[in-house]
């Protein structure tokens, strides 16, 4: 049984620190970039996310990518 992965969609996330809680712990939010082409290279997605991160007033903690795919039995 051969299983193939068929890419469907992708999105990028920019995690930013928006402040500090009353307990002193950092507060984070994720800014999502939807409708990223599944075939886009990681380097290109990272470059776009960095450009978008430069527009943020908050400190950027991390940049992530989430890919969704269907698994098909061939």
PDB file of N, CA and C in Angstrom:
ATOM      1  N   UNK A   1       0.845  -1.170   0.000  1.00  0.00           N
ATOM      2  CA  UNK A   1       0.000   0.000   0.000  1.00  0.00           C
ATOM      3  C   UNK A   1       0.893   1.236   0.000  1.00  0.00           C
ATOM      4  N   UNK A   2       0.823   1.978  -1.089  1.00  0.00           N
ATOM      5  CA  UNK A   2       1.597   3.214  -1.201  1.00  0.00           C
ATOM      6  C   UNK A   2       0.696   4.400  -0.883  1.00  0.00           C
ATOM      7  N   UNK A   3       1.173   5.249  -0.028  1.00  0.00           N
ATOM      8  CA  UNK A   3       0.421   6.440   0.358  1.00  0.00           C
ATOM      9  C   UNK A   3       1.181   7.664  -0.131  1.00  0.00           C
ATOM     10  N   UNK A   4       0.454   8.553  -0.772  1.00  0.00           N
ATOM     11  CA  UNK A   4       1.056   9.787  -1.277  1.00  0.00           C
ATOM     12  C   UNK A   4       0.460  10.985  -0.554  1.00  0.00           C
ATOM     13  N   UNK A   5       1.274  12.004  -0.414  1.00  0.00           N
ATOM     14  CA  UNK A   5       0.828  13.253   0.203  1.00  0.00           C
ATOM     15  C   UNK A   5       0.533  14.256  -0.902  1.00  0.00           C
ATOM     16  N   UNK A   6      -0.683  14.823  -0.886  1.00  0.00           N
ATOM     17  CA  UNK A   6      -1.097  15.809  -1.880  1.00  0.00           C
ATOM     18  C   UNK A   6      -1.268  17.153  -1.166  1.00  0.00           C
ATOM     19  N   UNK A   7      -0.342  18.103  -1.399  1.00  0.00           N
ATOM     20  CA  UNK A   7      -0.438  19.406  -0.726  1.00  0.00           C
ATOM     21  C   UNK A   7      -1.748  20.117  -1.064  1.00  0.00           C
ATOM     22  N   UNK A   8      -2.364  20.745  -0.053  1.00  0.00           N
ATOM     23  CA  UNK A   8      -3.634  21.441  -0.238  1.00  0.00           C
ATOM     24  C   UNK A   8      -3.504  22.942  -0.014  1.00  0.00           C
ATOM     25  N   UNK A   9      -3.016  23.321   1.133  1.00  0.00           N
ATOM     26  CA  UNK A   9      -2.905  24.745   1.450  1.00  0.00           C
ATOM     27  C   UNK A   9      -1.795  24.953   2.468  1.00  0.00           C
ATOM     28  N   UNK A  10      -1.492  26.212   2.689  1.00  0.00           N
ATOM     29  CA  UNK A  10      -0.426  26.557   3.614  1.00  0.00           C
ATOM     30  C   UNK A  10      -0.731  27.924   4.210  1.00  0.00           C
ATOM     31  N   UNK A  11      -0.194  28.180   5.381  1.00  0.00           N
ATOM     32  CA  UNK A  11      -0.308  29.501   5.996  1.00  0.00           C
ATOM     33  C   UNK A  11       0.946  29.763   6.816  1.00  0.00           C
ATOM     34  N   UNK A  12       1.221  31.030   7.018  1.00  0.00           N
ATOM     35  CA  UNK A  12       2.378  31.425   7.814  1.00  0.00           C
ATOM     36  C   UNK A  12       1.880  32.155   9.052  1.00  0.00           C
ATOM     37  N   UNK A  13       2.668  32.081  10.102  1.00  0.00           N
ATOM     38  CA  UNK A  13       2.321  32.768  11.338  1.00  0.00           C
ATOM     39  C   UNK A  13       3.496  33.578  11.846  1.00  0.00           C
ATOM     40  N   UNK A  14       3.197  34.768  12.342  1.00  0.00           N
ATOM     41  CA  UNK A  14       4.217  35.621  12.947  1.00  0.00           C
ATOM     42  C   UNK A  14       3.829  35.779  14.410  1.00  0.00           C
ATOM     43  N   UNK A  15       4.602  35.187  15.303  1.00  0.00           N
ATOM     44  CA  UNK A  15       4.324  35.264  16.737  1.00  0.00           C
ATOM     45  C   UNK A  15       4.998  36.512  17.292  1.00  0.00           C
ATOM     46  N   UNK A  16       4.192  37.377  17.932  1.00  0.00           N
ATOM     47  CA  UNK A  16       4.712  38.625  18.491  1.00  0.00           C
ATOM     48  C   UNK A  16       4.389  38.696  19.975  1.00  0.00           C
ATOM     49  N   UNK A  17       5.260  39.372  20.706  1.00  0.00           N
ATOM     50  CA  UNK A  17       4.997  39.613  22.123  1.00  0.00           C
ATOM     51  C   UNK A  17       4.289  40.956  22.230  1.00  0.00           C
ATOM     52  N   UNK A  18       3.036  40.914  22.689  1.00  0.00           N
ATOM     53  CA  UNK A  18       2.228  42.132  22.736  1.00  0.00           C
ATOM     54  C   UNK A  18       2.282  42.836  24.080  1.00  0.00           C
ATOM     55  N   UNK A  19       2.892  42.201  25.056  1.00  0.00           N
ATOM     56  CA  UNK A  19       2.971  42.836  26.371  1.00  0.00           C
ATOM     57  C   UNK A  19       3.365  41.842  27.439  1.00  0.00           C
ATOM     58  N   UNK A  20       3.066  42.227  28.682  1.00  0.00           N
ATOM     59  CA  UNK A  20       3.390  41.399  29.839  1.00  0.00           C
ATOM     60  C   UNK A  20       2.142  41.337  30.717  1.00  0.00           C
ATOM     61  N   UNK A  21       1.826  40.133  31.208  1.00  0.00           N
ATOM     62  CA  UNK A  21       0.649  39.978  32.063  1.00  0.00           C
ATOM     63  C   UNK A  21       0.919  40.564  33.444  1.00  0.00           C
ATOM     64  N   UNK A  22      -0.121  40.636  34.258  1.00  0.00           N
ATOM     65  CA  UNK A  22       0.040  41.156  35.618  1.00  0.00           C
ATOM     66  C   UNK A  22       0.933  40.261  36.458  1.00  0.00           C
ATOM     67  N   UNK A  23       1.049  38.989  36.062  1.00  0.00           N
ATOM     68  CA  UNK A  23       1.926  38.055  36.763  1.00  0.00           C
ATOM     69  C   UNK A  23       3.367  38.150  36.275  1.00  0.00           C
ATOM     70  N   UNK A  24       3.605  38.966  35.270  1.00  0.00           N
ATOM     71  CA  UNK A  24       4.954  39.145  34.749  1.00  0.00           C
ATOM     72  C   UNK A  24       5.314  38.231  33.592  1.00  0.00           C
ATOM     73  N   UNK A  25       4.357  37.417  33.148  1.00  0.00           N
ATOM     74  CA  UNK A  25       4.619  36.508  32.025  1.00  0.00           C
ATOM     75  C   UNK A  25       4.369  37.236  30.703  1.00  0.00           C
ATOM     76  N   UNK A  26       5.161  36.929  29.680  1.00  0.00           N
ATOM     77  CA  UNK A  26       4.937  37.572  28.381  1.00  0.00           C
ATOM     78  C   UNK A  26       3.597  37.150  27.777  1.00  0.00           C
ATOM     79  N   UNK A  27       2.967  38.071  27.065  1.00  0.00           N
ATOM     80  CA  UNK A  27       1.708  37.809  26.368  1.00  0.00           C
ATOM     81  C   UNK A  27       2.019  37.780  24.872  1.00  0.00           C
ATOM     82  N   UNK A  28       1.609  36.687  24.212  1.00  0.00           N
ATOM     83  CA  UNK A  28       1.901  36.502  22.795  1.00  0.00           C
ATOM     84  C   UNK A  28       0.622  36.505  21.967  1.00  0.00           C
ATOM     85  N   UNK A  29       0.742  36.905  20.718  1.00  0.00           N
ATOM     86  CA  UNK A  29      -0.320  36.814  19.722  1.00  0.00           C
ATOM     87  C   UNK A  29       0.331  36.333  18.422  1.00  0.00           C
ATOM     88  N   UNK A  30      -0.460  35.650  17.615  1.00  0.00           N
ATOM     89  CA  UNK A  30       0.040  35.178  16.322  1.00  0.00           C
ATOM     90  C   UNK A  30      -0.711  35.916  15.220  1.00  0.00           C
ATOM     91  N   UNK A  31       0.038  36.558  14.356  1.00  0.00           N
ATOM     92  CA  UNK A  31      -0.519  37.219  13.174  1.00  0.00           C
ATOM     93  C   UNK A  31      -0.445  36.203  12.035  1.00  0.00           C
ATOM     94  N   UNK A  32      -1.576  35.864  11.445  1.00  0.00           N
ATOM     95  CA  UNK A  32      -1.622  34.829  10.409  1.00  0.00           C
ATOM     96  C   UNK A  32      -1.617  35.425   9.011  1.00  0.00           C
ATOM     97  N   UNK A  33      -0.880  34.773   8.134  1.00  0.00           N
ATOM     98  CA  UNK A  33      -0.871  35.097   6.708  1.00  0.00           C
ATOM     99  C   UNK A  33      -1.512  33.904   6.002  1.00  0.00           C
ATOM    100  N   UNK A  34      -2.745  34.072   5.550  1.00  0.00           N
ATOM    101  CA  UNK A  34      -3.512  32.987   4.941  1.00  0.00           C
ATOM    102  C   UNK A  34      -3.224  32.880   3.442  1.00  0.00           C
ATOM    103  N   UNK A  35      -3.677  31.779   2.865  1.00  0.00           N
ATOM    104  CA  UNK A  35      -3.636  31.545   1.413  1.00  0.00           C
ATOM    105  C   UNK A  35      -2.230  31.559   0.828  1.00  0.00           C
ATOM    106  N   UNK A  36      -1.278  31.020   1.567  1.00  0.00           N
ATOM    107  CA  UNK A  36       0.082  30.860   1.041  1.00  0.00           C
ATOM    108  C   UNK A  36       0.053  29.658   0.101  1.00  0.00           C
ATOM    109  N   UNK A  37       0.639  29.788  -1.060  1.00  0.00           N
ATOM    110  CA  UNK A  37       0.666  28.669  -2.006  1.00  0.00           C
ATOM    111  C   UNK A  37       1.433  27.508  -1.388  1.00  0.00           C
ATOM    112  N   UNK A  38       0.867  26.322  -1.483  1.00  0.00           N
ATOM    113  CA  UNK A  38       1.496  25.135  -0.911  1.00  0.00           C
ATOM    114  C   UNK A  38       2.848  24.853  -1.558  1.00  0.00           C
ATOM    115  N   UNK A  39       3.013  25.249  -2.818  1.00  0.00           N
ATOM    116  CA  UNK A  39       4.261  25.005  -3.541  1.00  0.00           C
ATOM    117  C   UNK A  39       5.329  26.065  -3.265  1.00  0.00           C
ATOM    118  N   UNK A  40       4.990  27.108  -2.518  1.00  0.00           N
ATOM    119  CA  UNK A  40       5.955  28.181  -2.241  1.00  0.00           C
ATOM    120  C   UNK A  40       7.133  27.640  -1.434  1.00  0.00           C
ATOM    121  N   UNK A  41       8.318  28.098  -1.768  1.00  0.00           N
ATOM    122  CA  UNK A  41       9.520  27.679  -1.051  1.00  0.00           C
ATOM    123  C   UNK A  41       9.531  28.274   0.348  1.00  0.00           C
ATOM    124  N   UNK A  42      10.112  27.531   1.293  1.00  0.00           N
ATOM    125  CA  UNK A  42      10.207  28.010   2.673  1.00  0.00           C
ATOM    126  C   UNK A  42      10.932  29.349   2.756  1.00  0.00           C
ATOM    127  N   UNK A  43      11.987  29.501   1.951  1.00  0.00           N
ATOM    128  CA  UNK A  43      12.764  30.743   1.963  1.00  0.00           C
ATOM    129  C   UNK A  43      11.904  31.934   1.546  1.00  0.00           C
ATOM    130  N   UNK A  44      11.039  31.718   0.554  1.00  0.00           N
ATOM    131  CA  UNK A  44      10.166  32.791   0.078  1.00  0.00           C
ATOM    132  C   UNK A  44       9.105  33.149   1.116  1.00  0.00           C
ATOM    133  N   UNK A  45       8.523  32.135   1.743  1.00  0.00           N
ATOM    134  CA  UNK A  45       7.525  32.379   2.789  1.00  0.00           C
ATOM    135  C   UNK A  45       8.169  33.132   3.946  1.00  0.00           C
ATOM    136  N   UNK A  46       9.377  32.732   4.322  1.00  0.00           N
ATOM    137  CA  UNK A  46      10.091  33.395   5.414  1.00  0.00           C
ATOM    138  C   UNK A  46      10.389  34.851   5.064  1.00  0.00           C
ATOM    139  N   UNK A  47      10.807  35.102   3.829  1.00  0.00           N
ATOM    140  CA  UNK A  47      11.127  36.469   3.405  1.00  0.00           C
ATOM    141  C   UNK A  47       9.891  37.368   3.459  1.00  0.00           C
ATOM    142  N   UNK A  48       8.753  36.855   3.011  1.00  0.00           N
ATOM    143  CA  UNK A  48       7.516  37.643   3.058  1.00  0.00           C
ATOM    144  C   UNK A  48       7.105  37.882   4.511  1.00  0.00           C
ATOM    145  N   UNK A  49       7.201  36.854   5.332  1.00  0.00           N
ATOM    146  CA  UNK A  49       6.843  37.003   6.746  1.00  0.00           C
ATOM    147  C   UNK A  49       7.760  38.010   7.439  1.00  0.00           C
ATOM    148  N   UNK A  50       9.045  38.002   7.100  1.00  0.00           N
ATOM    149  CA  UNK A  50       9.973  38.988   7.673  1.00  0.00           C
ATOM    150  C   UNK A  50       9.588  40.401   7.259  1.00  0.00           C
ATOM    151  N   UNK A  51       9.208  40.571   6.007  1.00  0.00           N
ATOM    152  CA  UNK A  51       8.793  41.891   5.528  1.00  0.00           C
ATOM    153  C   UNK A  51       7.538  42.352   6.265  1.00  0.00           C
ATOM    154  N   UNK A  52       6.594  41.444   6.478  1.00  0.00           N
ATOM    155  CA  UNK A  52       5.380  41.782   7.230  1.00  0.00           C
ATOM    156  C   UNK A  52       5.714  42.041   8.698  1.00  0.00           C
ATOM    157  N   UNK A  53       6.662  41.291   9.238  1.00  0.00           N
ATOM    158  CA  UNK A  53       7.058  41.467  10.640  1.00  0.00           C
ATOM    159  C   UNK A  53       7.670  42.842  10.865  1.00  0.00           C
ATOM    160  N   UNK A  54       8.337  43.369   9.854  1.00  0.00           N
ATOM    161  CA  UNK A  54       8.954  44.695   9.982  1.00  0.00           C
ATOM    162  C   UNK A  54       7.901  45.783  10.165  1.00  0.00           C
ATOM    163  N   UNK A  55       6.658  45.495   9.791  1.00  0.00           N
ATOM    164  CA  UNK A  55       5.574  46.463   9.932  1.00  0.00           C
ATOM    165  C   UNK A  55       4.914  46.405  11.312  1.00  0.00           C
ATOM    166  N   UNK A  56       5.285  45.414  12.112  1.00  0.00           N
ATOM    167  CA  UNK A  56       4.693  45.245  13.437  1.00  0.00           C
ATOM    168  C   UNK A  56       5.321  46.206  14.437  1.00  0.00           C
ATOM    169  N   UNK A  57       4.519  46.687  15.368  1.00  0.00           N
ATOM    170  CA  UNK A  57       5.074  47.529  16.424  1.00  0.00           C
ATOM    171  C   UNK A  57       5.592  46.680  17.577  1.00  0.00           C
ATOM    172  N   UNK A  58       5.172  45.405  17.629  1.00  0.00           N
ATOM    173  CA  UNK A  58       5.579  44.514  18.711  1.00  0.00           C
ATOM    174  C   UNK A  58       6.792  43.681  18.297  1.00  0.00           C
ATOM    175  N   UNK A  59       7.494  43.164  19.297  1.00  0.00           N
ATOM    176  CA  UNK A  59       8.683  42.346  19.052  1.00  0.00           C
ATOM    177  C   UNK A  59       8.283  40.987  18.471  1.00  0.00           C
ATOM    178  N   UNK A  60       8.944  40.586  17.388  1.00  0.00           N
ATOM    179  CA  UNK A  60       8.675  39.298  16.753  1.00  0.00           C
ATOM    180  C   UNK A  60       9.447  38.213  17.492  1.00  0.00           C
ATOM    181  N   UNK A  61       8.720  37.166  17.882  1.00  0.00           N
ATOM    182  CA  UNK A  61       9.317  36.056  18.620  1.00  0.00           C
ATOM    183  C   UNK A  61       9.712  34.931  17.671  1.00  0.00           C
ATOM    184  N   UNK A  62       8.817  34.604  16.726  1.00  0.00           N
ATOM    185  CA  UNK A  62       9.112  33.522  15.789  1.00  0.00           C
ATOM    186  C   UNK A  62       8.237  33.637  14.546  1.00  0.00           C
ATOM    187  N   UNK A  63       8.679  32.946  13.504  1.00  0.00           N
ATOM    188  CA  UNK A  63       7.926  32.848  12.253  1.00  0.00           C
ATOM    189  C   UNK A  63       7.727  31.359  11.986  1.00  0.00           C
ATOM    190  N   UNK A  64       6.487  30.978  11.674  1.00  0.00           N
ATOM    191  CA  UNK A  64       6.198  29.564  11.448  1.00  0.00           C
ATOM    192  C   UNK A  64       5.417  29.377  10.150  1.00  0.00           C
ATOM    193  N   UNK A  65       5.358  28.126   9.733  1.00  0.00           N
ATOM    194  CA  UNK A  65       4.588  27.760   8.535  1.00  0.00           C
ATOM    195  C   UNK A  65       3.830  26.480   8.845  1.00  0.00           C
ATOM    196  N   UNK A  66       2.555  26.445   8.460  1.00  0.00           N
ATOM    197  CA  UNK A  66       1.722  25.259   8.648  1.00  0.00           C
ATOM    198  C   UNK A  66       1.226  24.826   7.276  1.00  0.00           C
ATOM    199  N   UNK A  67       1.558  23.591   6.905  1.00  0.00           N
ATOM    200  CA  UNK A  67       1.125  23.030   5.627  1.00  0.00           C
ATOM    201  C   UNK A  67       0.027  22.000   5.879  1.00  0.00           C
ATOM    202  N   UNK A  68      -0.984  21.993   5.034  1.00  0.00           N
ATOM    203  CA  UNK A  68      -2.043  20.990   5.100  1.00  0.00           C
ATOM    204  C   UNK A  68      -2.000  20.168   3.823  1.00  0.00           C
ATOM    205  N   UNK A  69      -2.208  18.861   3.987  1.00  0.00           N
ATOM    206  CA  UNK A  69      -2.166  17.962   2.836  1.00  0.00           C
ATOM    207  C   UNK A  69      -3.137  16.810   3.054  1.00  0.00           C
ATOM    208  N   UNK A  70      -3.576  16.227   1.959  1.00  0.00           N
ATOM    209  CA  UNK A  70      -4.389  15.012   2.008  1.00  0.00           C
ATOM    210  C   UNK A  70      -3.474  13.823   1.769  1.00  0.00           C
ATOM    211  N   UNK A  71      -3.747  12.741   2.472  1.00  0.00           N
ATOM    212  CA  UNK A  71      -3.026  11.495   2.248  1.00  0.00           C
ATOM    213  C   UNK A  71      -3.909  10.601   1.394  1.00  0.00           C
ATOM    214  N   UNK A  72      -3.349  10.113   0.279  1.00  0.00           N
ATOM    215  CA  UNK A  72      -4.117   9.337  -0.691  1.00  0.00           C
ATOM    216  C   UNK A  72      -3.491   7.956  -0.833  1.00  0.00           C
ATOM    217  N   UNK A  73      -4.330   6.934  -0.757  1.00  0.00           N
ATOM    218  CA  UNK A  73      -3.882   5.561  -0.950  1.00  0.00           C
ATOM    219  C   UNK A  73      -3.870   5.267  -2.441  1.00  0.00           C
ATOM    220  N   UNK A  74      -2.721   4.888  -2.954  1.00  0.00           N
ATOM    221  CA  UNK A  74      -2.608   4.607  -4.395  1.00  0.00           C
ATOM    222  C   UNK A  74      -2.483   3.131  -4.649  1.00  0.00           C
TER     223      UNK A  74
END
